[in-house]
Amino acid sequence: QEVESVKQVSEGQVRVITTHDETFDADAVVVTLPLGVLKQDKVKFSPPLPSYKTEVIERMGFGALNKVMLKFPKPFFLSEYPHDYIGHASDPRNTFYNFAVLKSKAVLIAIVSGNFARQIETTNIGDVRKQCMDVLRSGFPHLNVPEPLDVHVTKWCSDPHSLGSYSYMS
């Protein structure tokens, strides 16, 4: 359930109201909302959260990190790069996690962060695929990189239940 508000009704009684107008009463509530949701003030608290909590929420940074998963017909990169990570110094910097080392799957996972991570969430999947393939083919021309069978992009900033992917001290 998506929560709309958390209200202290009385000493030892809390009411949680969902976006579907359902009500749950409890003796206590443990709130584990992501920082992105707290920063956007998506859930109303009554009484309001104490200032020492809202000040920390405001001061904390919340960033974007997404993954582009590329599934290939075979692990063409494993024999030459039997490492967890394959890096390529480009703009933006690209790091590929070699999933074949862990699970013997022909999957490379591109780790993207910052503005580029936000940008790929609204970029056509074909363009994301091309961008990743350009990096792989230019950075590792001797590998004869095949076309991926499938491409998937995480979209943490667009997810209304997280609105980002990690917190940091700003």
N, C-alpha and C. Protein backbone atom coordinates (compact mmCIF):
# COMPACT_ATOMS: atom_id res chain seq x y z
N GLN A 1 0.83 -1.19 0.00
CA GLN A 1 0.00 0.00 0.00
C GLN A 1 0.87 1.25 0.00
N GLU A 2 0.48 2.22 -0.78
CA GLU A 2 1.14 3.51 -0.73
C GLU A 2 0.55 4.31 0.42
N VAL A 3 1.40 4.85 1.25
CA VAL A 3 0.95 5.57 2.43
C VAL A 3 0.84 7.05 2.11
N GLU A 4 -0.27 7.64 2.54
CA GLU A 4 -0.51 9.06 2.37
C GLU A 4 -0.12 9.83 3.63
N SER A 5 -0.47 9.25 4.80
CA SER A 5 -0.16 9.95 6.04
C SER A 5 0.00 8.97 7.20
N VAL A 6 0.77 9.45 8.17
CA VAL A 6 0.97 8.73 9.43
C VAL A 6 0.60 9.72 10.53
N LYS A 7 -0.38 9.35 11.34
CA LYS A 7 -0.89 10.28 12.34
C LYS A 7 -0.92 9.62 13.71
N GLN A 8 -0.36 10.34 14.68
CA GLN A 8 -0.47 9.87 16.06
C GLN A 8 -1.84 10.32 16.57
N VAL A 9 -2.70 9.35 16.81
CA VAL A 9 -4.08 9.62 17.23
C VAL A 9 -4.12 9.95 18.71
N SER A 10 -3.40 9.16 19.49
CA SER A 10 -3.32 9.37 20.93
C SER A 10 -2.03 8.70 21.41
N GLU A 11 -1.75 8.81 22.68
CA GLU A 11 -0.57 8.14 23.24
C GLU A 11 -0.70 6.65 23.00
N GLY A 12 0.23 6.07 22.25
CA GLY A 12 0.21 4.64 22.00
C GLY A 12 -0.73 4.19 20.89
N GLN A 13 -1.25 5.14 20.10
CA GLN A 13 -2.09 4.75 18.97
C GLN A 13 -1.73 5.60 17.74
N VAL A 14 -1.45 4.88 16.65
CA VAL A 14 -1.05 5.53 15.40
C VAL A 14 -1.99 5.08 14.30
N ARG A 15 -2.30 6.00 13.40
CA ARG A 15 -3.17 5.68 12.27
C ARG A 15 -2.39 5.94 10.98
N VAL A 16 -2.40 4.95 10.10
CA VAL A 16 -1.77 5.07 8.79
C VAL A 16 -2.89 5.07 7.76
N ILE A 17 -2.88 6.08 6.89
CA ILE A 17 -3.89 6.20 5.84
C ILE A 17 -3.20 6.04 4.50
N THR A 18 -3.76 5.16 3.67
CA THR A 18 -3.16 4.90 2.37
C THR A 18 -3.76 5.81 1.31
N THR A 19 -3.17 5.80 0.13
CA THR A 19 -3.69 6.60 -0.98
C THR A 19 -5.02 6.05 -1.48
N HIS A 20 -5.40 4.85 -1.05
CA HIS A 20 -6.69 4.27 -1.42
C HIS A 20 -7.71 4.42 -0.30
N ASP A 21 -7.46 5.39 0.60
CA ASP A 21 -8.35 5.68 1.72
C ASP A 21 -8.58 4.51 2.66
N GLU A 22 -7.62 3.60 2.72
CA GLU A 22 -7.68 2.53 3.71
C GLU A 22 -6.97 3.03 4.96
N THR A 23 -7.47 2.59 6.11
CA THR A 23 -6.92 3.02 7.38
C THR A 23 -6.45 1.82 8.17
N PHE A 24 -5.24 1.97 8.73
CA PHE A 24 -4.68 0.93 9.60
C PHE A 24 -4.33 1.57 10.93
N ASP A 25 -4.82 1.01 12.01
CA ASP A 25 -4.51 1.50 13.35
C ASP A 25 -3.54 0.53 14.01
N ALA A 26 -2.59 1.10 14.76
CA ALA A 26 -1.58 0.25 15.41
C ALA A 26 -1.09 0.94 16.68
N ASP A 27 -0.41 0.15 17.52
CA ASP A 27 0.20 0.71 18.73
C ASP A 27 1.44 1.52 18.37
N ALA A 28 2.13 1.12 17.31
CA ALA A 28 3.35 1.80 16.87
C ALA A 28 3.55 1.54 15.38
N VAL A 29 4.34 2.37 14.75
CA VAL A 29 4.66 2.22 13.33
C VAL A 29 6.16 2.41 13.15
N VAL A 30 6.76 1.54 12.38
CA VAL A 30 8.17 1.70 12.00
C VAL A 30 8.18 2.25 10.58
N VAL A 31 8.74 3.43 10.40
CA VAL A 31 8.77 4.08 9.09
C VAL A 31 10.13 3.84 8.47
N THR A 32 10.14 3.23 7.29
CA THR A 32 11.39 2.93 6.58
C THR A 32 11.34 3.49 5.17
N LEU A 33 10.89 4.71 5.04
CA LEU A 33 10.78 5.33 3.72
C LEU A 33 12.15 5.68 3.16
N PRO A 34 12.34 5.54 1.85
CA PRO A 34 13.60 5.99 1.24
C PRO A 34 13.76 7.50 1.40
N LEU A 35 15.00 7.93 1.43
CA LEU A 35 15.29 9.35 1.61
C LEU A 35 14.66 10.20 0.50
N GLY A 36 14.61 9.69 -0.72
CA GLY A 36 14.00 10.45 -1.82
C GLY A 36 12.54 10.75 -1.57
N VAL A 37 11.82 9.81 -0.99
CA VAL A 37 10.41 10.00 -0.67
C VAL A 37 10.27 11.01 0.47
N LEU A 38 11.15 10.89 1.47
CA LEU A 38 11.12 11.85 2.59
C LEU A 38 11.46 13.26 2.12
N LYS A 39 12.43 13.39 1.23
CA LYS A 39 12.82 14.71 0.73
C LYS A 39 11.70 15.37 -0.08
N GLN A 40 10.90 14.57 -0.75
CA GLN A 40 9.79 15.10 -1.55
C GLN A 40 8.53 15.31 -0.72
N ASP A 41 8.61 14.98 0.58
CA ASP A 41 7.48 15.18 1.49
C ASP A 41 6.22 14.48 0.98
N LYS A 42 6.40 13.26 0.48
CA LYS A 42 5.29 12.49 -0.11
C LYS A 42 4.33 11.96 0.96
N VAL A 43 4.83 11.72 2.16
CA VAL A 43 4.01 11.20 3.25
C VAL A 43 3.89 12.29 4.31
N LYS A 44 2.67 12.58 4.70
CA LYS A 44 2.43 13.62 5.71
C LYS A 44 2.45 12.98 7.10
N PHE A 45 3.14 13.64 8.02
CA PHE A 45 3.22 13.16 9.40
C PHE A 45 2.49 14.15 10.30
N SER A 46 1.69 13.62 11.22
CA SER A 46 0.99 14.45 12.18
C SER A 46 1.14 13.79 13.55
N PRO A 47 1.78 14.47 14.51
CA PRO A 47 2.43 15.77 14.35
C PRO A 47 3.61 15.67 13.38
N PRO A 48 4.07 16.82 12.88
CA PRO A 48 5.20 16.81 11.95
C PRO A 48 6.43 16.18 12.60
N LEU A 49 7.31 15.65 11.74
CA LEU A 49 8.56 15.09 12.26
C LEU A 49 9.31 16.19 13.01
N PRO A 50 10.05 15.83 14.06
CA PRO A 50 10.81 16.84 14.80
C PRO A 50 11.87 17.48 13.91
N SER A 51 12.23 18.71 14.23
CA SER A 51 13.17 19.48 13.39
C SER A 51 14.53 18.79 13.27
N TYR A 52 14.98 18.07 14.31
CA TYR A 52 16.28 17.42 14.19
C TYR A 52 16.24 16.33 13.10
N LYS A 53 15.09 15.76 12.83
CA LYS A 53 14.97 14.78 11.76
C LYS A 53 14.82 15.47 10.40
N THR A 54 13.98 16.49 10.32
CA THR A 54 13.77 17.16 9.03
C THR A 54 15.04 17.89 8.59
N GLU A 55 15.82 18.40 9.52
CA GLU A 55 17.09 19.05 9.16
C GLU A 55 18.08 18.05 8.57
N VAL A 56 18.13 16.85 9.13
CA VAL A 56 19.01 15.81 8.58
C VAL A 56 18.52 15.40 7.20
N ILE A 57 17.23 15.25 7.04
CA ILE A 57 16.66 14.89 5.73
C ILE A 57 17.05 15.94 4.70
N GLU A 58 16.95 17.20 5.06
CA GLU A 58 17.31 18.29 4.14
C GLU A 58 18.80 18.30 3.81
N ARG A 59 19.64 18.04 4.81
CA ARG A 59 21.09 18.09 4.61
C ARG A 59 21.66 16.91 3.83
N MET A 60 21.02 15.76 3.95
CA MET A 60 21.53 14.57 3.27
C MET A 60 21.37 14.72 1.77
N GLY A 61 22.38 14.24 1.04
CA GLY A 61 22.29 14.21 -0.41
C GLY A 61 21.65 12.90 -0.84
N PHE A 62 21.01 12.93 -1.99
CA PHE A 62 20.38 11.72 -2.51
C PHE A 62 20.72 11.63 -3.98
N GLY A 63 21.37 10.56 -4.38
CA GLY A 63 21.90 10.47 -5.73
C GLY A 63 21.25 9.43 -6.61
N ALA A 64 21.77 9.41 -7.83
CA ALA A 64 21.26 8.49 -8.84
C ALA A 64 22.37 7.54 -9.27
N LEU A 65 22.05 6.28 -9.23
CA LEU A 65 22.92 5.25 -9.75
C LEU A 65 22.00 4.22 -10.40
N ASN A 66 22.23 3.97 -11.67
CA ASN A 66 21.42 3.00 -12.39
C ASN A 66 22.31 1.96 -13.02
N LYS A 67 21.70 0.89 -13.47
CA LYS A 67 22.42 -0.20 -14.11
C LYS A 67 21.78 -0.48 -15.46
N VAL A 68 22.65 -0.75 -16.43
CA VAL A 68 22.19 -1.21 -17.74
C VAL A 68 22.68 -2.64 -17.86
N MET A 69 21.75 -3.58 -17.92
CA MET A 69 22.11 -5.00 -18.02
C MET A 69 22.07 -5.41 -19.48
N LEU A 70 23.19 -5.97 -19.94
CA LEU A 70 23.32 -6.40 -21.33
C LEU A 70 23.52 -7.92 -21.33
N LYS A 71 22.55 -8.63 -21.88
CA LYS A 71 22.64 -10.09 -21.95
C LYS A 71 23.12 -10.48 -23.34
N PHE A 72 24.20 -11.28 -23.38
CA PHE A 72 24.81 -11.68 -24.64
C PHE A 72 24.58 -13.17 -24.90
N PRO A 73 24.76 -13.60 -26.15
CA PRO A 73 24.59 -15.02 -26.46
C PRO A 73 25.59 -15.92 -25.75
N LYS A 74 26.79 -15.41 -25.51
CA LYS A 74 27.81 -16.17 -24.79
C LYS A 74 28.73 -15.19 -24.09
N PRO A 75 29.45 -15.64 -23.05
CA PRO A 75 30.33 -14.73 -22.31
C PRO A 75 31.65 -14.49 -23.05
N PHE A 76 31.58 -13.73 -24.14
CA PHE A 76 32.73 -13.48 -25.00
C PHE A 76 33.89 -12.80 -24.28
N PHE A 77 33.62 -12.15 -23.18
CA PHE A 77 34.59 -11.35 -22.45
C PHE A 77 35.28 -12.14 -21.34
N LEU A 78 34.76 -13.30 -20.99
CA LEU A 78 35.23 -14.02 -19.81
C LEU A 78 36.65 -14.56 -19.94
N SER A 79 37.01 -15.07 -21.09
CA SER A 79 38.35 -15.66 -21.23
C SER A 79 39.44 -14.61 -21.10
N GLU A 80 39.19 -13.42 -21.62
CA GLU A 80 40.21 -12.38 -21.56
C GLU A 80 40.10 -11.50 -20.30
N TYR A 81 38.90 -11.39 -19.77
CA TYR A 81 38.68 -10.54 -18.59
C TYR A 81 37.95 -11.33 -17.50
N PRO A 82 38.65 -12.23 -16.83
CA PRO A 82 38.01 -13.03 -15.77
C PRO A 82 37.97 -12.28 -14.44
N HIS A 83 37.59 -11.00 -14.49
CA HIS A 83 37.56 -10.13 -13.32
C HIS A 83 36.13 -9.69 -13.04
N ASP A 84 35.91 -9.23 -11.82
CA ASP A 84 34.58 -8.75 -11.46
C ASP A 84 34.18 -7.50 -12.23
N TYR A 85 35.14 -6.61 -12.45
CA TYR A 85 34.84 -5.34 -13.10
C TYR A 85 35.71 -5.13 -14.32
N ILE A 86 35.10 -4.52 -15.33
CA ILE A 86 35.82 -4.11 -16.53
C ILE A 86 35.58 -2.61 -16.63
N GLY A 87 36.63 -1.82 -16.58
CA GLY A 87 36.46 -0.37 -16.62
C GLY A 87 36.90 0.22 -17.93
N HIS A 88 36.29 1.34 -18.27
CA HIS A 88 36.67 2.06 -19.48
C HIS A 88 36.62 3.55 -19.14
N ALA A 89 37.75 4.23 -19.30
CA ALA A 89 37.81 5.66 -18.99
C ALA A 89 37.23 6.42 -20.18
N SER A 90 36.00 6.84 -20.06
CA SER A 90 35.32 7.58 -21.11
C SER A 90 34.48 8.66 -20.45
N ASP A 91 33.77 9.39 -21.26
CA ASP A 91 32.91 10.43 -20.73
C ASP A 91 31.47 10.11 -21.13
N PRO A 92 30.56 9.73 -20.25
CA PRO A 92 30.83 9.52 -18.82
C PRO A 92 31.62 8.23 -18.60
N ARG A 93 32.29 8.16 -17.47
CA ARG A 93 33.10 6.99 -17.13
C ARG A 93 32.20 5.77 -17.05
N ASN A 94 32.67 4.68 -17.61
CA ASN A 94 31.86 3.46 -17.64
C ASN A 94 32.56 2.35 -16.88
N THR A 95 31.83 1.70 -16.03
CA THR A 95 32.29 0.50 -15.34
C THR A 95 31.29 -0.59 -15.65
N PHE A 96 31.77 -1.73 -16.09
CA PHE A 96 30.92 -2.87 -16.37
C PHE A 96 31.20 -3.94 -15.35
N TYR A 97 30.15 -4.42 -14.70
CA TYR A 97 30.29 -5.53 -13.77
C TYR A 97 30.14 -6.81 -14.58
N ASN A 98 31.11 -7.70 -14.44
CA ASN A 98 31.15 -8.94 -15.19
C ASN A 98 30.39 -10.01 -14.42
N PHE A 99 29.12 -10.18 -14.73
CA PHE A 99 28.26 -11.13 -14.02
C PHE A 99 28.66 -12.57 -14.30
N ALA A 100 29.39 -12.81 -15.40
CA ALA A 100 29.81 -14.17 -15.75
C ALA A 100 30.75 -14.75 -14.70
N VAL A 101 31.53 -13.91 -14.04
CA VAL A 101 32.44 -14.38 -13.01
C VAL A 101 31.66 -14.98 -11.84
N LEU A 102 30.55 -14.35 -11.50
CA LEU A 102 29.75 -14.78 -10.35
C LEU A 102 28.79 -15.92 -10.67
N LYS A 103 28.07 -15.79 -11.75
CA LYS A 103 26.98 -16.72 -12.03
C LYS A 103 27.12 -17.46 -13.36
N SER A 104 28.26 -17.33 -14.04
CA SER A 104 28.46 -17.97 -15.34
C SER A 104 27.36 -17.60 -16.34
N LYS A 105 26.90 -16.38 -16.25
CA LYS A 105 25.90 -15.86 -17.18
C LYS A 105 26.58 -14.85 -18.10
N ALA A 106 26.16 -14.81 -19.34
CA ALA A 106 26.75 -13.89 -20.31
C ALA A 106 26.10 -12.52 -20.17
N VAL A 107 26.35 -11.89 -19.04
CA VAL A 107 25.75 -10.60 -18.74
C VAL A 107 26.83 -9.63 -18.28
N LEU A 108 26.83 -8.46 -18.89
CA LEU A 108 27.63 -7.34 -18.41
C LEU A 108 26.65 -6.31 -17.87
N ILE A 109 26.99 -5.72 -16.74
CA ILE A 109 26.13 -4.72 -16.13
C ILE A 109 26.90 -3.41 -16.07
N ALA A 110 26.43 -2.43 -16.84
CA ALA A 110 27.05 -1.11 -16.84
C ALA A 110 26.52 -0.33 -15.64
N ILE A 111 27.43 0.23 -14.87
CA ILE A 111 27.07 1.03 -13.70
C ILE A 111 27.17 2.50 -14.13
N VAL A 112 26.08 3.23 -14.05
CA VAL A 112 26.07 4.64 -14.45
C VAL A 112 25.56 5.48 -13.28
N SER A 113 26.14 6.65 -13.11
CA SER A 113 25.77 7.48 -11.97
C SER A 113 25.60 8.94 -12.37
N GLY A 114 25.17 9.73 -11.40
CA GLY A 114 25.04 11.17 -11.58
C GLY A 114 24.02 11.55 -12.64
N ASN A 115 24.33 12.63 -13.36
CA ASN A 115 23.40 13.14 -14.37
C ASN A 115 23.13 12.12 -15.47
N PHE A 116 24.16 11.33 -15.82
CA PHE A 116 23.98 10.32 -16.85
C PHE A 116 22.97 9.27 -16.41
N ALA A 117 23.00 8.91 -15.12
CA ALA A 117 22.04 7.93 -14.60
C ALA A 117 20.61 8.47 -14.71
N ARG A 118 20.44 9.75 -14.46
CA ARG A 118 19.10 10.35 -14.60
C ARG A 118 18.70 10.41 -16.07
N GLN A 119 19.65 10.73 -16.92
CA GLN A 119 19.39 10.89 -18.35
C GLN A 119 18.94 9.59 -19.00
N ILE A 120 19.57 8.47 -18.65
CA ILE A 120 19.21 7.21 -19.33
C ILE A 120 17.79 6.75 -18.98
N GLU A 121 17.23 7.27 -17.90
CA GLU A 121 15.87 6.87 -17.53
C GLU A 121 14.84 7.36 -18.55
N THR A 122 15.17 8.41 -19.27
CA THR A 122 14.24 8.95 -20.27
C THR A 122 14.75 8.75 -21.69
N THR A 123 15.85 8.02 -21.83
CA THR A 123 16.43 7.77 -23.14
C THR A 123 15.85 6.49 -23.73
N ASN A 124 15.59 6.50 -25.01
CA ASN A 124 15.10 5.33 -25.72
C ASN A 124 16.06 4.17 -25.50
N ILE A 125 15.51 2.96 -25.23
CA ILE A 125 16.34 1.80 -24.92
C ILE A 125 17.30 1.47 -26.07
N GLY A 126 16.90 1.73 -27.30
CA GLY A 126 17.79 1.50 -28.44
C GLY A 126 19.00 2.41 -28.39
N ASP A 127 18.80 3.65 -27.96
CA ASP A 127 19.92 4.59 -27.84
C ASP A 127 20.85 4.21 -26.69
N VAL A 128 20.27 3.71 -25.60
CA VAL A 128 21.08 3.25 -24.47
C VAL A 128 21.92 2.05 -24.90
N ARG A 129 21.29 1.13 -25.61
CA ARG A 129 22.00 -0.04 -26.13
C ARG A 129 23.17 0.40 -27.02
N LYS A 130 22.90 1.31 -27.94
CA LYS A 130 23.94 1.79 -28.86
C LYS A 130 25.09 2.44 -28.10
N GLN A 131 24.76 3.26 -27.13
CA GLN A 131 25.79 3.94 -26.35
C GLN A 131 26.69 2.93 -25.63
N CYS A 132 26.09 1.93 -25.00
CA CYS A 132 26.87 0.90 -24.31
C CYS A 132 27.71 0.10 -25.29
N MET A 133 27.13 -0.25 -26.42
CA MET A 133 27.86 -1.04 -27.41
C MET A 133 29.01 -0.23 -28.00
N ASP A 134 28.80 1.07 -28.21
CA ASP A 134 29.89 1.93 -28.70
C ASP A 134 31.06 1.93 -27.72
N VAL A 135 30.75 2.02 -26.43
CA VAL A 135 31.80 2.02 -25.41
C VAL A 135 32.55 0.69 -25.42
N LEU A 136 31.79 -0.41 -25.43
CA LEU A 136 32.43 -1.74 -25.43
C LEU A 136 33.27 -1.96 -26.68
N ARG A 137 32.74 -1.61 -27.82
CA ARG A 137 33.46 -1.87 -29.08
C ARG A 137 34.66 -0.96 -29.26
N SER A 138 34.56 0.29 -28.82
CA SER A 138 35.72 1.17 -28.95
C SER A 138 36.77 0.88 -27.88
N GLY A 139 36.32 0.51 -26.70
CA GLY A 139 37.27 0.23 -25.61
C GLY A 139 37.92 -1.13 -25.69
N PHE A 140 37.23 -2.08 -26.32
CA PHE A 140 37.73 -3.45 -26.39
C PHE A 140 37.55 -3.99 -27.81
N PRO A 141 38.22 -3.36 -28.81
CA PRO A 141 37.99 -3.74 -30.21
C PRO A 141 38.42 -5.17 -30.53
N HIS A 142 39.35 -5.71 -29.80
CA HIS A 142 39.85 -7.06 -30.06
C HIS A 142 38.88 -8.16 -29.61
N LEU A 143 37.83 -7.82 -28.90
CA LEU A 143 36.91 -8.83 -28.38
C LEU A 143 35.81 -9.24 -29.35
N ASN A 144 35.63 -8.52 -30.45
CA ASN A 144 34.56 -8.83 -31.39
C ASN A 144 33.22 -8.91 -30.65
N VAL A 145 32.80 -7.80 -30.08
CA VAL A 145 31.61 -7.71 -29.22
C VAL A 145 30.34 -7.94 -30.05
N PRO A 146 29.57 -8.99 -29.73
CA PRO A 146 28.32 -9.25 -30.46
C PRO A 146 27.20 -8.33 -29.97
N GLU A 147 26.11 -8.32 -30.70
CA GLU A 147 24.93 -7.57 -30.26
C GLU A 147 24.33 -8.29 -29.05
N PRO A 148 23.84 -7.56 -28.08
CA PRO A 148 23.19 -8.22 -26.94
C PRO A 148 21.83 -8.78 -27.34
N LEU A 149 21.44 -9.84 -26.65
CA LEU A 149 20.12 -10.43 -26.86
C LEU A 149 19.03 -9.60 -26.20
N ASP A 150 19.40 -8.96 -25.08
CA ASP A 150 18.43 -8.19 -24.31
C ASP A 150 19.15 -7.09 -23.56
N VAL A 151 18.44 -6.00 -23.32
CA VAL A 151 18.97 -4.86 -22.56
C VAL A 151 17.89 -4.41 -21.58
N HIS A 152 18.29 -4.18 -20.35
CA HIS A 152 17.34 -3.69 -19.35
C HIS A 152 18.00 -2.55 -18.57
N VAL A 153 17.25 -1.50 -18.29
CA VAL A 153 17.75 -0.34 -17.55
C VAL A 153 16.95 -0.18 -16.26
N THR A 154 17.64 -0.08 -15.12
CA THR A 154 16.94 0.27 -13.89
C THR A 154 16.60 1.75 -13.94
N LYS A 155 15.56 2.14 -13.26
CA LYS A 155 15.11 3.54 -13.30
C LYS A 155 14.72 3.99 -11.91
N TRP A 156 15.72 4.07 -11.02
CA TRP A 156 15.46 4.36 -9.62
C TRP A 156 14.91 5.76 -9.39
N CYS A 157 15.34 6.75 -10.16
CA CYS A 157 14.85 8.12 -9.94
C CYS A 157 13.40 8.28 -10.38
N SER A 158 12.98 7.48 -11.35
CA SER A 158 11.60 7.52 -11.83
C SER A 158 10.66 6.68 -10.99
N ASP A 159 11.20 5.83 -10.16
CA ASP A 159 10.37 4.96 -9.32
C ASP A 159 9.77 5.79 -8.20
N PRO A 160 8.44 5.94 -8.17
CA PRO A 160 7.81 6.80 -7.15
C PRO A 160 7.99 6.29 -5.73
N HIS A 161 8.42 5.03 -5.58
CA HIS A 161 8.62 4.47 -4.24
C HIS A 161 10.05 4.64 -3.74
N SER A 162 10.94 5.21 -4.56
CA SER A 162 12.32 5.44 -4.11
C SER A 162 12.82 6.84 -4.49
N LEU A 163 12.56 7.28 -5.73
CA LEU A 163 12.96 8.60 -6.23
C LEU A 163 14.47 8.81 -6.23
N GLY A 164 15.23 7.75 -6.29
CA GLY A 164 16.69 7.81 -6.31
C GLY A 164 17.24 6.50 -5.80
N SER A 165 18.56 6.44 -5.65
CA SER A 165 19.11 5.14 -5.30
C SER A 165 20.09 5.11 -4.16
N TYR A 166 20.64 6.22 -3.73
CA TYR A 166 21.55 6.15 -2.59
C TYR A 166 21.65 7.51 -1.90
N SER A 167 21.96 7.45 -0.63
CA SER A 167 22.12 8.68 0.14
C SER A 167 23.59 8.91 0.41
N TYR A 168 23.95 10.16 0.67
CA TYR A 168 25.33 10.51 0.97
C TYR A 168 25.37 11.78 1.81
N MET A 169 26.51 11.98 2.46
CA MET A 169 26.70 13.21 3.24
C MET A 169 27.01 14.33 2.25
N SER A 170 26.17 15.38 2.22
CA SER A 170 26.41 16.47 1.28
C SER A 170 27.35 17.50 1.88
